[in-house]
Amino acid sequence: MILAAGKGERLKGLTQTIPKALVQIAGKTLLEHAIERFAKANIQDITIAVGWKSDMITDIITQFENSPEVQIIEVSNYDIGPLQSLTVSLEAIRDEDAIICPVDLLVSSNSIEAIVSHHTVSQDTLVTLAVDSQSNTGSIVSVDSHGRALGIQKEVESANSIVKSAMFMVVSSGFLEYCKAALKSGSRTAVPVLNKIIEDDHSIKSYDIQEEWFDIDTLPDILEANRFLLESSQVNHHGAIFIPSGDTMEIGDLIRLESGIEVGIGVCLKGPCLISGKSKIGDNCTIGPYTSLGTGTQVGDYCEIQNAVVFGLSKIRNRSKVSDVIINDSERFSMEE
């Protein structure tokens, strides 16, 4: 279950024109990353909760390559909070175990498989919650020596350790009733739900994720995740140009690829960087490192672009110097704003 209904207001003006699910990182939307990773983890029954600008998500989802069948749940009053989206979605799949993942969480398919396996072997567990003992971001979780959660968003004195979580979890039948009760009492997030489960002596087991994950809440989060995916070569785009970390490609003559990519004379591509299909780069440009250009990007002559995420059919004017920004539909969003 992918929760993609909220506005993503911490991304400032970026999500005023598009839903957060369609923000791109390393050439693909957050929603596409999520669907691909679930599919790779052999999860084929996927439900997506949508709300803010839901029509854009519905229109674009059919364009994803090799996408499994998905069920789209419209959450009309999503502005109540993420617990509303979660409850409405769970009601649609009643009495089935579910993996719950916010769309803005980038987590590996290996971690998805591992937490499902961990939940399956713990038959008395109502919730298995992904945590990270090394992370500085996310919700605080107090855990005992057996890996059981003792409290969410509070430090419990008897806890063996304090870890962090991005609210990625696997839940069993019975969790929905807790969500409905918490929503009725005015709660907006899953935190009160989890704490009530703990108070009622039901087991919430923690699973410590051993791989890198990203909770995309802010503009710096987008650039950090983009850097990681490019540097670790976690990109797979048909017809794209990808330059690995540490490599450089210098273009002598104009090149045109079947994917519609055009790269002008005197262009230097510094890895890691990704150039998606139908992109056009003018003469004497330097692209990279840590740069991803989405489908249809047009770059003028004598431009320098580094540490940037560009998508939405953006156009970059001649002699532009672009650094440390996200560009969507030619509009720039930077950390200084």
C-alpha atoms as a PDB file:
ATOM      1  CA  MET A   1       0.000   0.000   0.000  1.00  0.00           C
ATOM      2  CA  ILE A   2       1.569   3.258  -1.179  1.00  0.00           C
ATOM      3  CA  LEU A   3       0.309   6.409   0.542  1.00  0.00           C
ATOM      4  CA  ALA A   4       0.430   9.243  -1.996  1.00  0.00           C
ATOM      5  CA  ALA A   5      -2.480  11.519  -1.075  1.00  0.00           C
ATOM      6  CA  GLY A   6      -0.840  14.418   0.777  1.00  0.00           C
ATOM      7  CA  LYS A   7       0.398  17.768  -0.551  1.00  0.00           C
ATOM      8  CA  GLY A   8       4.020  17.511   0.543  1.00  0.00           C
ATOM      9  CA  GLU A   9       4.019  21.103   1.804  1.00  0.00           C
ATOM     10  CA  ARG A  10       7.599  20.933   3.133  1.00  0.00           C
ATOM     11  CA  LEU A  11       8.791  20.845  -0.479  1.00  0.00           C
ATOM     12  CA  LYS A  12       7.675  24.482  -0.732  1.00  0.00           C
ATOM     13  CA  GLY A  13       6.334  25.538  -4.121  1.00  0.00           C
ATOM     14  CA  LEU A  14       7.483  22.386  -5.917  1.00  0.00           C
ATOM     15  CA  THR A  15       4.306  20.501  -5.030  1.00  0.00           C
ATOM     16  CA  GLN A  16       1.910  23.345  -5.816  1.00  0.00           C
ATOM     17  CA  THR A  17       1.725  22.241  -9.445  1.00  0.00           C
ATOM     18  CA  ILE A  18       2.384  18.498  -9.144  1.00  0.00           C
ATOM     19  CA  PRO A  19       1.667  15.883  -6.466  1.00  0.00           C
ATOM     20  CA  LYS A  20       4.649  14.789  -4.402  1.00  0.00           C
ATOM     21  CA  ALA A  21       4.406  11.319  -5.942  1.00  0.00           C
ATOM     22  CA  LEU A  22       5.453  12.778  -9.318  1.00  0.00           C
ATOM     23  CA  VAL A  23       8.592  14.526  -8.083  1.00  0.00           C
ATOM     24  CA  GLN A  24      11.497  12.981  -9.980  1.00  0.00           C
ATOM     25  CA  ILE A  25      14.771  11.633  -8.617  1.00  0.00           C
ATOM     26  CA  ALA A  26      17.394  10.094 -10.893  1.00  0.00           C
ATOM     27  CA  GLY A  27      15.045  10.320 -13.868  1.00  0.00           C
ATOM     28  CA  LYS A  28      12.017   8.599 -12.307  1.00  0.00           C
ATOM     29  CA  THR A  29       9.123   9.740 -10.159  1.00  0.00           C
ATOM     30  CA  LEU A  30       8.897   8.765  -6.498  1.00  0.00           C
ATOM     31  CA  LEU A  31       5.823   6.707  -7.375  1.00  0.00           C
ATOM     32  CA  GLU A  32       7.674   4.871 -10.137  1.00  0.00           C
ATOM     33  CA  HIS A  33      10.570   4.107  -7.787  1.00  0.00           C
ATOM     34  CA  ALA A  34       8.114   2.692  -5.230  1.00  0.00           C
ATOM     35  CA  ILE A  35       6.198   0.519  -7.706  1.00  0.00           C
ATOM     36  CA  GLU A  36       9.404  -0.841  -9.259  1.00  0.00           C
ATOM     37  CA  ARG A  37      10.877  -1.788  -5.902  1.00  0.00           C
ATOM     38  CA  PHE A  38       7.714  -3.517  -4.732  1.00  0.00           C
ATOM     39  CA  ALA A  39       7.501  -5.419  -8.017  1.00  0.00           C
ATOM     40  CA  LYS A  40      11.156  -6.438  -7.689  1.00  0.00           C
ATOM     41  CA  ALA A  41      10.345  -7.736  -4.203  1.00  0.00           C
ATOM     42  CA  ASN A  42       7.635  -9.932  -5.788  1.00  0.00           C
ATOM     43  CA  ILE A  43       4.789  -7.774  -4.442  1.00  0.00           C
ATOM     44  CA  GLN A  44       2.203  -7.648  -7.219  1.00  0.00           C
ATOM     45  CA  ASP A  45      -0.963  -6.585  -5.375  1.00  0.00           C
ATOM     46  CA  ILE A  46      -0.372  -2.826  -5.066  1.00  0.00           C
ATOM     47  CA  THR A  47      -2.836  -0.219  -3.814  1.00  0.00           C
ATOM     48  CA  ILE A  48      -2.130   3.515  -4.168  1.00  0.00           C
ATOM     49  CA  ALA A  49      -3.968   6.081  -2.046  1.00  0.00           C
ATOM     50  CA  VAL A  50      -4.265   9.375  -3.952  1.00  0.00           C
ATOM     51  CA  GLY A  51      -5.716  12.779  -3.114  1.00  0.00           C
ATOM     52  CA  TRP A  52      -3.907  16.019  -4.019  1.00  0.00           C
ATOM     53  CA  LYS A  53      -3.947  16.366  -7.822  1.00  0.00           C
ATOM     54  CA  SER A  54      -4.942  12.712  -8.095  1.00  0.00           C
ATOM     55  CA  ASP A  55      -5.886  13.063 -11.765  1.00  0.00           C
ATOM     56  CA  MET A  56      -2.215  13.656 -12.640  1.00  0.00           C
ATOM     57  CA  ILE A  57      -1.221  10.400 -10.948  1.00  0.00           C
ATOM     58  CA  THR A  58      -4.009   8.464 -12.639  1.00  0.00           C
ATOM     59  CA  ASP A  59      -3.041   9.835 -16.053  1.00  0.00           C
ATOM     60  CA  ILE A  60       0.655   9.082 -15.760  1.00  0.00           C
ATOM     61  CA  ILE A  61       0.598   5.676 -14.092  1.00  0.00           C
ATOM     62  CA  THR A  62      -0.284   3.897 -17.341  1.00  0.00           C
ATOM     63  CA  GLN A  63       2.944   5.242 -18.865  1.00  0.00           C
ATOM     64  CA  PHE A  64       5.238   3.461 -16.395  1.00  0.00           C
ATOM     65  CA  GLU A  65       7.278   0.715 -18.031  1.00  0.00           C
ATOM     66  CA  ASN A  66       6.695  -2.880 -16.844  1.00  0.00           C
ATOM     67  CA  SER A  67       4.297  -1.704 -14.141  1.00  0.00           C
ATOM     68  CA  PRO A  68       2.126  -4.329 -12.402  1.00  0.00           C
ATOM     69  CA  GLU A  69      -1.611  -3.859 -12.038  1.00  0.00           C
ATOM     70  CA  VAL A  70      -2.457  -1.355  -9.340  1.00  0.00           C
ATOM     71  CA  GLN A  71      -5.614  -0.385  -7.489  1.00  0.00           C
ATOM     72  CA  ILE A  72      -6.104   3.361  -7.045  1.00  0.00           C
ATOM     73  CA  ILE A  73      -8.047   4.537  -3.994  1.00  0.00           C
ATOM     74  CA  GLU A  74      -9.345   8.121  -4.085  1.00  0.00           C
ATOM     75  CA  VAL A  75      -9.168   9.772  -0.649  1.00  0.00           C
ATOM     76  CA  SER A  76     -11.526  12.740  -0.928  1.00  0.00           C
ATOM     77  CA  ASN A  77     -10.729  14.242   2.492  1.00  0.00           C
ATOM     78  CA  TYR A  78      -6.981  13.532   2.486  1.00  0.00           C
ATOM     79  CA  ASP A  79      -6.282  16.904   4.107  1.00  0.00           C
ATOM     80  CA  ILE A  80      -7.410  15.442   7.448  1.00  0.00           C
ATOM     81  CA  GLY A  81      -3.998  13.758   7.534  1.00  0.00           C
ATOM     82  CA  PRO A  82      -2.115  10.588   6.552  1.00  0.00           C
ATOM     83  CA  LEU A  83      -4.176   8.490   8.978  1.00  0.00           C
ATOM     84  CA  GLN A  84      -7.265   9.257   6.887  1.00  0.00           C
ATOM     85  CA  SER A  85      -5.526   7.980   3.734  1.00  0.00           C
ATOM     86  CA  LEU A  86      -4.311   4.898   5.582  1.00  0.00           C
ATOM     87  CA  THR A  87      -7.731   4.058   7.002  1.00  0.00           C
ATOM     88  CA  VAL A  88      -9.590   4.510   3.709  1.00  0.00           C
ATOM     89  CA  SER A  89      -7.054   2.296   1.924  1.00  0.00           C
ATOM     90  CA  LEU A  90      -7.148  -0.460   4.550  1.00  0.00           C
ATOM     91  CA  GLU A  91     -10.936  -0.529   4.358  1.00  0.00           C
ATOM     92  CA  ALA A  92     -10.594  -1.382   0.660  1.00  0.00           C
ATOM     93  CA  ILE A  93      -8.510  -4.517   1.360  1.00  0.00           C
ATOM     94  CA  ARG A  94     -10.171  -5.660   4.598  1.00  0.00           C
ATOM     95  CA  ASP A  95      -8.603  -8.421   6.716  1.00  0.00           C
ATOM     96  CA  GLU A  96      -5.462  -8.846   4.650  1.00  0.00           C
ATOM     97  CA  ASP A  97      -1.877  -8.304   5.723  1.00  0.00           C
ATOM     98  CA  ALA A  98      -0.498  -5.137   4.159  1.00  0.00           C
ATOM     99  CA  ILE A  99       2.827  -3.442   3.613  1.00  0.00           C
ATOM    100  CA  ILE A 100       2.386   0.271   4.274  1.00  0.00           C
ATOM    101  CA  CYS A 101       4.844   2.643   2.631  1.00  0.00           C
ATOM    102  CA  PRO A 102       4.705   6.434   2.210  1.00  0.00           C
ATOM    103  CA  VAL A 103       5.390   7.374  -1.418  1.00  0.00           C
ATOM    104  CA  ASP A 104       8.194   9.683  -0.302  1.00  0.00           C
ATOM    105  CA  LEU A 105      10.186   6.807   1.214  1.00  0.00           C
ATOM    106  CA  LEU A 106      12.947   5.364  -0.965  1.00  0.00           C
ATOM    107  CA  VAL A 107      13.662   1.889   0.380  1.00  0.00           C
ATOM    108  CA  SER A 108      15.319  -1.051  -1.395  1.00  0.00           C
ATOM    109  CA  SER A 109      13.511  -4.144  -2.629  1.00  0.00           C
ATOM    110  CA  ASN A 110      15.817  -6.211  -0.392  1.00  0.00           C
ATOM    111  CA  SER A 111      14.539  -4.341   2.656  1.00  0.00           C
ATOM    112  CA  ILE A 112      10.943  -4.876   1.540  1.00  0.00           C
ATOM    113  CA  GLU A 113      11.479  -8.628   1.203  1.00  0.00           C
ATOM    114  CA  ALA A 114      13.278  -8.766   4.543  1.00  0.00           C
ATOM    115  CA  ILE A 115      10.613  -6.968   6.592  1.00  0.00           C
ATOM    116  CA  VAL A 116       7.843  -9.107   5.057  1.00  0.00           C
ATOM    117  CA  SER A 117       9.775 -12.260   5.971  1.00  0.00           C
ATOM    118  CA  HIS A 118      10.415 -10.912   9.486  1.00  0.00           C
ATOM    119  CA  HIS A 119       6.695 -10.219   9.951  1.00  0.00           C
ATOM    120  CA  THR A 120       5.623 -13.597   8.587  1.00  0.00           C
ATOM    121  CA  VAL A 121       7.660 -15.622  11.091  1.00  0.00           C
ATOM    122  CA  SER A 122       6.289 -13.588  14.035  1.00  0.00           C
ATOM    123  CA  GLN A 123       2.748 -14.933  14.108  1.00  0.00           C
ATOM    124  CA  ASP A 124       1.717 -13.046  17.264  1.00  0.00           C
ATOM    125  CA  THR A 125       2.854  -9.682  15.865  1.00  0.00           C
ATOM    126  CA  LEU A 126       0.226  -7.130  14.830  1.00  0.00           C
ATOM    127  CA  VAL A 127       2.769  -4.693  13.387  1.00  0.00           C
ATOM    128  CA  THR A 128       6.359  -4.980  12.207  1.00  0.00           C
ATOM    129  CA  LEU A 129       7.921  -1.528  12.039  1.00  0.00           C
ATOM    130  CA  ALA A 130      11.055  -0.721  10.039  1.00  0.00           C
ATOM    131  CA  VAL A 131      13.633   1.180  12.092  1.00  0.00           C
ATOM    132  CA  ASP A 132      17.206   2.343  11.688  1.00  0.00           C
ATOM    133  CA  SER A 133      19.600   2.426  14.627  1.00  0.00           C
ATOM    134  CA  GLN A 134      22.030   4.659  12.702  1.00  0.00           C
ATOM    135  CA  SER A 135      19.671   7.298  11.299  1.00  0.00           C
ATOM    136  CA  ASN A 136      19.252  10.858  12.550  1.00  0.00           C
ATOM    137  CA  THR A 137      15.916  11.381  10.801  1.00  0.00           C
ATOM    138  CA  GLY A 138      12.462   9.941  11.321  1.00  0.00           C
ATOM    139  CA  SER A 139      10.191   9.276  14.293  1.00  0.00           C
ATOM    140  CA  ILE A 140      11.710   8.193  17.606  1.00  0.00           C
ATOM    141  CA  VAL A 141      11.016   4.575  18.584  1.00  0.00           C
ATOM    142  CA  SER A 142      11.902   3.124  21.997  1.00  0.00           C
ATOM    143  CA  VAL A 143      12.840  -0.556  21.676  1.00  0.00           C
ATOM    144  CA  ASP A 144      13.511  -3.260  24.288  1.00  0.00           C
ATOM    145  CA  SER A 145      16.229  -5.920  24.173  1.00  0.00           C
ATOM    146  CA  HIS A 146      13.936  -8.296  22.239  1.00  0.00           C
ATOM    147  CA  GLY A 147      13.247  -5.771  19.481  1.00  0.00           C
ATOM    148  CA  ARG A 148       9.742  -4.909  20.693  1.00  0.00           C
ATOM    149  CA  ALA A 149       8.604  -1.300  20.411  1.00  0.00           C
ATOM    150  CA  LEU A 150       7.799   0.297  23.789  1.00  0.00           C
ATOM    151  CA  GLY A 151       6.739   3.720  22.506  1.00  0.00           C
ATOM    152  CA  ILE A 152       6.586   5.837  19.365  1.00  0.00           C
ATOM    153  CA  GLN A 153       7.715   9.466  19.405  1.00  0.00           C
ATOM    154  CA  LYS A 154       8.670   9.152  23.064  1.00  0.00           C
ATOM    155  CA  GLU A 155      11.673   7.901  24.986  1.00  0.00           C
ATOM    156  CA  VAL A 156      10.741   5.124  27.411  1.00  0.00           C
ATOM    157  CA  GLU A 157      13.029   4.835  30.428  1.00  0.00           C
ATOM    158  CA  SER A 158      13.145   1.027  30.316  1.00  0.00           C
ATOM    159  CA  ALA A 159      14.089   0.952  26.610  1.00  0.00           C
ATOM    160  CA  ASN A 160      17.249  -0.842  25.551  1.00  0.00           C
ATOM    161  CA  SER A 161      17.764   1.521  22.594  1.00  0.00           C
ATOM    162  CA  ILE A 162      16.284   4.559  20.852  1.00  0.00           C
ATOM    163  CA  VAL A 163      16.021   4.227  17.052  1.00  0.00           C
ATOM    164  CA  LYS A 164      14.317   6.098  14.208  1.00  0.00           C
ATOM    165  CA  SER A 165      11.541   5.104  11.804  1.00  0.00           C
ATOM    166  CA  ALA A 166       9.975   6.532   8.637  1.00  0.00           C
ATOM    167  CA  MET A 167       6.684   4.699   9.368  1.00  0.00           C
ATOM    168  CA  PHE A 168       7.323   1.886   6.878  1.00  0.00           C
ATOM    169  CA  MET A 169       5.567  -1.176   8.287  1.00  0.00           C
ATOM    170  CA  VAL A 170       3.777  -4.476   7.752  1.00  0.00           C
ATOM    171  CA  VAL A 171       0.419  -4.864   9.505  1.00  0.00           C
ATOM    172  CA  SER A 172      -1.968  -7.744  10.114  1.00  0.00           C
ATOM    173  CA  SER A 173      -5.739  -8.039  10.498  1.00  0.00           C
ATOM    174  CA  GLY A 174      -6.952  -5.938  13.420  1.00  0.00           C
ATOM    175  CA  PHE A 175      -4.795  -2.927  12.650  1.00  0.00           C
ATOM    176  CA  LEU A 176      -7.654  -1.279  10.733  1.00  0.00           C
ATOM    177  CA  GLU A 177      -9.897  -1.166  13.812  1.00  0.00           C
ATOM    178  CA  TYR A 178      -7.200   0.712  15.726  1.00  0.00           C
ATOM    179  CA  CYS A 179      -6.898   3.183  12.838  1.00  0.00           C
ATOM    180  CA  LYS A 180     -10.639   3.803  12.746  1.00  0.00           C
ATOM    181  CA  ALA A 181     -10.788   4.378  16.504  1.00  0.00           C
ATOM    182  CA  ALA A 182      -7.839   6.795  16.447  1.00  0.00           C
ATOM    183  CA  LEU A 183      -9.275   8.687  13.479  1.00  0.00           C
ATOM    184  CA  LYS A 184     -12.628   9.024  15.255  1.00  0.00           C
ATOM    185  CA  SER A 185     -10.864  10.498  18.300  1.00  0.00           C
ATOM    186  CA  GLY A 186      -9.212  13.179  16.136  1.00  0.00           C
ATOM    187  CA  SER A 187      -5.781  11.694  15.441  1.00  0.00           C
ATOM    188  CA  ARG A 188      -4.111  12.623  12.147  1.00  0.00           C
ATOM    189  CA  THR A 189      -1.109  10.275  12.021  1.00  0.00           C
ATOM    190  CA  ALA A 190      -0.329   6.622  12.730  1.00  0.00           C
ATOM    191  CA  VAL A 191       1.688   7.441  15.866  1.00  0.00           C
ATOM    192  CA  PRO A 192      -1.310   7.339  18.284  1.00  0.00           C
ATOM    193  CA  VAL A 193      -2.453   4.127  16.608  1.00  0.00           C
ATOM    194  CA  LEU A 194       0.860   2.404  17.290  1.00  0.00           C
ATOM    195  CA  ASN A 195       1.052   3.679  20.880  1.00  0.00           C
ATOM    196  CA  LYS A 196      -2.482   2.425  21.585  1.00  0.00           C
ATOM    197  CA  ILE A 197      -1.535  -1.014  20.247  1.00  0.00           C
ATOM    198  CA  ILE A 198       1.443  -1.047  22.625  1.00  0.00           C
ATOM    199  CA  GLU A 199      -0.765   0.057  25.551  1.00  0.00           C
ATOM    200  CA  ASP A 200      -3.108  -2.867  24.821  1.00  0.00           C
ATOM    201  CA  ASP A 201      -0.140  -5.265  25.089  1.00  0.00           C
ATOM    202  CA  HIS A 202      -0.170  -6.234  21.418  1.00  0.00           C
ATOM    203  CA  SER A 203       3.230  -6.833  19.916  1.00  0.00           C
ATOM    204  CA  ILE A 204       4.927  -4.312  17.635  1.00  0.00           C
ATOM    205  CA  LYS A 205       8.210  -5.778  16.491  1.00  0.00           C
ATOM    206  CA  SER A 206      10.968  -3.633  15.066  1.00  0.00           C
ATOM    207  CA  TYR A 207      13.032  -4.585  12.045  1.00  0.00           C
ATOM    208  CA  ASP A 208      16.377  -2.809  11.693  1.00  0.00           C
ATOM    209  CA  ILE A 209      16.950  -1.848   8.044  1.00  0.00           C
ATOM    210  CA  GLN A 210      20.559  -2.497   7.118  1.00  0.00           C
ATOM    211  CA  GLU A 211      20.563  -0.582   3.828  1.00  0.00           C
ATOM    212  CA  GLU A 212      20.418   3.097   2.902  1.00  0.00           C
ATOM    213  CA  TRP A 213      16.933   4.640   2.806  1.00  0.00           C
ATOM    214  CA  PHE A 214      15.640   8.164   2.196  1.00  0.00           C
ATOM    215  CA  ASP A 215      12.598   9.978   3.531  1.00  0.00           C
ATOM    216  CA  ILE A 216      11.988  12.710   0.948  1.00  0.00           C
ATOM    217  CA  ASP A 217      10.535  15.602   2.934  1.00  0.00           C
ATOM    218  CA  THR A 218      12.625  18.599   1.836  1.00  0.00           C
ATOM    219  CA  LEU A 219      14.497  19.945  -1.202  1.00  0.00           C
ATOM    220  CA  PRO A 220      17.897  18.862   0.216  1.00  0.00           C
ATOM    221  CA  ASP A 221      16.471  15.334   0.609  1.00  0.00           C
ATOM    222  CA  ILE A 222      15.804  15.222  -3.154  1.00  0.00           C
ATOM    223  CA  LEU A 223      19.370  16.195  -4.018  1.00  0.00           C
ATOM    224  CA  GLU A 224      20.842  13.793  -1.451  1.00  0.00           C
ATOM    225  CA  ALA A 225      18.802  10.856  -2.759  1.00  0.00           C
ATOM    226  CA  ASN A 226      19.649  11.784  -6.357  1.00  0.00           C
ATOM    227  CA  ARG A 227      23.360  11.807  -5.510  1.00  0.00           C
ATOM    228  CA  PHE A 228      23.092   8.405  -3.830  1.00  0.00           C
ATOM    229  CA  LEU A 229      21.185   6.723  -6.662  1.00  0.00           C
ATOM    230  CA  LEU A 230      23.522   8.105  -9.309  1.00  0.00           C
ATOM    231  CA  GLU A 231      26.702   7.369  -7.388  1.00  0.00           C
ATOM    232  CA  SER A 232      25.633   3.810  -6.610  1.00  0.00           C
ATOM    233  CA  SER A 233      24.552   3.339 -10.265  1.00  0.00           C
ATOM    234  CA  GLN A 234      20.975   2.504  -9.201  1.00  0.00           C
ATOM    235  CA  VAL A 235      19.556   3.769 -12.473  1.00  0.00           C
ATOM    236  CA  ASN A 236      18.013   1.754 -15.264  1.00  0.00           C
ATOM    237  CA  HIS A 237      16.523   3.765 -18.106  1.00  0.00           C
ATOM    238  CA  HIS A 238      16.063   2.476 -21.629  1.00  0.00           C
ATOM    239  CA  GLY A 239      17.581   4.846 -24.170  1.00  0.00           C
ATOM    240  CA  ALA A 240      19.210   7.135 -21.584  1.00  0.00           C
ATOM    241  CA  ILE A 241      22.854   8.184 -21.296  1.00  0.00           C
ATOM    242  CA  PHE A 242      24.375   7.334 -17.930  1.00  0.00           C
ATOM    243  CA  ILE A 243      27.920   8.292 -16.986  1.00  0.00           C
ATOM    244  CA  PRO A 244      29.118   6.400 -13.861  1.00  0.00           C
ATOM    245  CA  SER A 245      30.840   8.088 -10.967  1.00  0.00           C
ATOM    246  CA  GLY A 246      34.430   9.053 -11.756  1.00  0.00           C
ATOM    247  CA  ASP A 247      33.992   8.782 -15.533  1.00  0.00           C
ATOM    248  CA  THR A 248      33.887  11.617 -18.070  1.00  0.00           C
ATOM    249  CA  MET A 249      32.583  11.661 -21.644  1.00  0.00           C
ATOM    250  CA  GLU A 250      33.719  14.437 -23.980  1.00  0.00           C
ATOM    251  CA  ILE A 251      31.644  14.920 -27.116  1.00  0.00           C
ATOM    252  CA  GLY A 252      33.537  15.993 -30.232  1.00  0.00           C
ATOM    253  CA  ASP A 253      30.766  15.963 -32.838  1.00  0.00           C
ATOM    254  CA  LEU A 254      26.998  16.303 -32.572  1.00  0.00           C
ATOM    255  CA  ILE A 255      25.398  12.990 -31.612  1.00  0.00           C
ATOM    256  CA  ARG A 256      21.784  11.900 -32.040  1.00  0.00           C
ATOM    257  CA  LEU A 257      20.376   8.740 -30.464  1.00  0.00           C
ATOM    258  CA  GLU A 258      17.249   6.756 -31.352  1.00  0.00           C
ATOM    259  CA  SER A 259      15.790   7.736 -27.962  1.00  0.00           C
ATOM    260  CA  GLY A 260      15.688  11.347 -29.169  1.00  0.00           C
ATOM    261  CA  ILE A 261      18.719  12.517 -27.196  1.00  0.00           C
ATOM    262  CA  GLU A 262      20.844  15.144 -28.917  1.00  0.00           C
ATOM    263  CA  VAL A 263      24.204  16.239 -27.517  1.00  0.00           C
ATOM    264  CA  GLY A 264      26.040  19.144 -29.105  1.00  0.00           C
ATOM    265  CA  ILE A 265      29.667  19.790 -29.996  1.00  0.00           C
ATOM    266  CA  GLY A 266      32.155  20.290 -27.164  1.00  0.00           C
ATOM    267  CA  VAL A 267      29.907  18.929 -24.421  1.00  0.00           C
ATOM    268  CA  CYS A 268      31.507  17.374 -21.322  1.00  0.00           C
ATOM    269  CA  LEU A 269      29.462  14.870 -19.306  1.00  0.00           C
ATOM    270  CA  LYS A 270      30.905  14.307 -15.831  1.00  0.00           C
ATOM    271  CA  GLY A 271      29.783  11.254 -13.891  1.00  0.00           C
ATOM    272  CA  PRO A 272      27.687  10.457 -12.203  1.00  0.00           C
ATOM    273  CA  CYS A 273      25.017  11.990 -14.410  1.00  0.00           C
ATOM    274  CA  LEU A 274      21.921  10.825 -16.255  1.00  0.00           C
ATOM    275  CA  ILE A 275      20.484  12.188 -19.507  1.00  0.00           C
ATOM    276  CA  SER A 276      16.971  10.874 -20.197  1.00  0.00           C
ATOM    277  CA  GLY A 277      15.323  10.352 -23.580  1.00  0.00           C
ATOM    278  CA  LYS A 278      14.325  13.248 -25.882  1.00  0.00           C
ATOM    279  CA  SER A 279      16.717  15.592 -24.042  1.00  0.00           C
ATOM    280  CA  LYS A 280      18.677  18.117 -26.086  1.00  0.00           C
ATOM    281  CA  ILE A 281      21.972  19.623 -24.908  1.00  0.00           C
ATOM    282  CA  GLY A 282      23.490  22.557 -26.761  1.00  0.00           C
ATOM    283  CA  ASP A 283      27.140  23.137 -27.645  1.00  0.00           C
ATOM    284  CA  ASN A 284      30.004  23.560 -25.163  1.00  0.00           C
ATOM    285  CA  CYS A 285      28.063  22.570 -22.046  1.00  0.00           C
ATOM    286  CA  THR A 286      29.307  20.835 -18.915  1.00  0.00           C
ATOM    287  CA  ILE A 287      26.754  18.483 -17.341  1.00  0.00           C
ATOM    288  CA  GLY A 288      27.473  16.869 -13.980  1.00  0.00           C
ATOM    289  CA  PRO A 289      28.477  15.557 -11.646  1.00  0.00           C
ATOM    290  CA  TYR A 290      25.405  14.502  -9.643  1.00  0.00           C
ATOM    291  CA  THR A 291      22.947  15.690 -12.264  1.00  0.00           C
ATOM    292  CA  SER A 292      19.842  14.028 -13.685  1.00  0.00           C
ATOM    293  CA  LEU A 293      18.018  15.493 -16.677  1.00  0.00           C
ATOM    294  CA  GLY A 294      14.463  14.202 -17.099  1.00  0.00           C
ATOM    295  CA  THR A 295      12.758  13.316 -20.360  1.00  0.00           C
ATOM    296  CA  GLY A 296      12.496  16.224 -22.792  1.00  0.00           C
ATOM    297  CA  THR A 297      14.900  18.581 -21.024  1.00  0.00           C
ATOM    298  CA  GLN A 298      16.349  21.267 -23.314  1.00  0.00           C
ATOM    299  CA  VAL A 299      19.690  22.834 -22.402  1.00  0.00           C
ATOM    300  CA  GLY A 300      21.060  25.854 -24.283  1.00  0.00           C
ATOM    301  CA  ASP A 301      24.667  26.504 -25.319  1.00  0.00           C
ATOM    302  CA  TYR A 302      27.535  27.141 -22.887  1.00  0.00           C
ATOM    303  CA  CYS A 303      25.616  25.927 -19.820  1.00  0.00           C
ATOM    304  CA  GLU A 304      27.097  24.462 -16.640  1.00  0.00           C
ATOM    305  CA  ILE A 305      24.892  22.154 -14.572  1.00  0.00           C
ATOM    306  CA  GLN A 306      25.942  20.238 -11.472  1.00  0.00           C
ATOM    307  CA  ASN A 307      24.246  18.696  -8.415  1.00  0.00           C
ATOM    308  CA  ALA A 308      20.817  19.267  -9.931  1.00  0.00           C
ATOM    309  CA  VAL A 309      17.554  17.444 -10.619  1.00  0.00           C
ATOM    310  CA  VAL A 310      15.780  18.672 -13.758  1.00  0.00           C
ATOM    311  CA  PHE A 311      12.428  17.373 -15.022  1.00  0.00           C
ATOM    312  CA  GLY A 312       9.043  18.444 -16.378  1.00  0.00           C
ATOM    313  CA  LEU A 313      10.102  19.308 -19.945  1.00  0.00           C
ATOM    314  CA  SER A 314      12.292  22.096 -18.575  1.00  0.00           C
ATOM    315  CA  LYS A 315      14.234  24.559 -20.705  1.00  0.00           C
ATOM    316  CA  ILE A 316      17.561  26.017 -19.548  1.00  0.00           C
ATOM    317  CA  ARG A 317      18.721  29.160 -21.307  1.00  0.00           C
ATOM    318  CA  ASN A 318      22.125  29.740 -22.936  1.00  0.00           C
ATOM    319  CA  ARG A 319      25.078  30.377 -20.611  1.00  0.00           C
ATOM    320  CA  SER A 320      23.144  29.379 -17.503  1.00  0.00           C
ATOM    321  CA  LYS A 321      25.053  28.186 -14.443  1.00  0.00           C
ATOM    322  CA  VAL A 322      22.911  25.761 -12.477  1.00  0.00           C
ATOM    323  CA  SER A 323      23.979  24.244  -9.159  1.00  0.00           C
ATOM    324  CA  ASP A 324      22.300  22.776  -6.078  1.00  0.00           C
ATOM    325  CA  VAL A 325      18.746  23.178  -7.408  1.00  0.00           C
ATOM    326  CA  ILE A 326      15.663  21.277  -8.473  1.00  0.00           C
ATOM    327  CA  ILE A 327      14.033  22.469 -11.695  1.00  0.00           C
ATOM    328  CA  ASN A 328      10.520  21.468 -12.724  1.00  0.00           C
ATOM    329  CA  ASP A 329       8.813  22.869 -15.801  1.00  0.00           C
ATOM    330  CA  SER A 330      11.641  25.448 -16.074  1.00  0.00           C
ATOM    331  CA  GLU A 331      10.979  26.809 -12.551  1.00  0.00           C
ATOM    332  CA  ARG A 332      13.904  26.697 -10.120  1.00  0.00           C
ATOM    333  CA  PHE A 333      13.639  25.604  -6.487  1.00  0.00           C
ATOM    334  CA  SER A 334      16.710  26.103  -4.337  1.00  0.00           C
ATOM    335  CA  MET A 335      17.582  25.691  -0.672  1.00  0.00           C
ATOM    336  CA  GLU A 336      18.105  29.441  -0.205  1.00  0.00           C
ATOM    337  CA  GLU A 337      14.482  30.292  -1.027  1.00  0.00           C
END
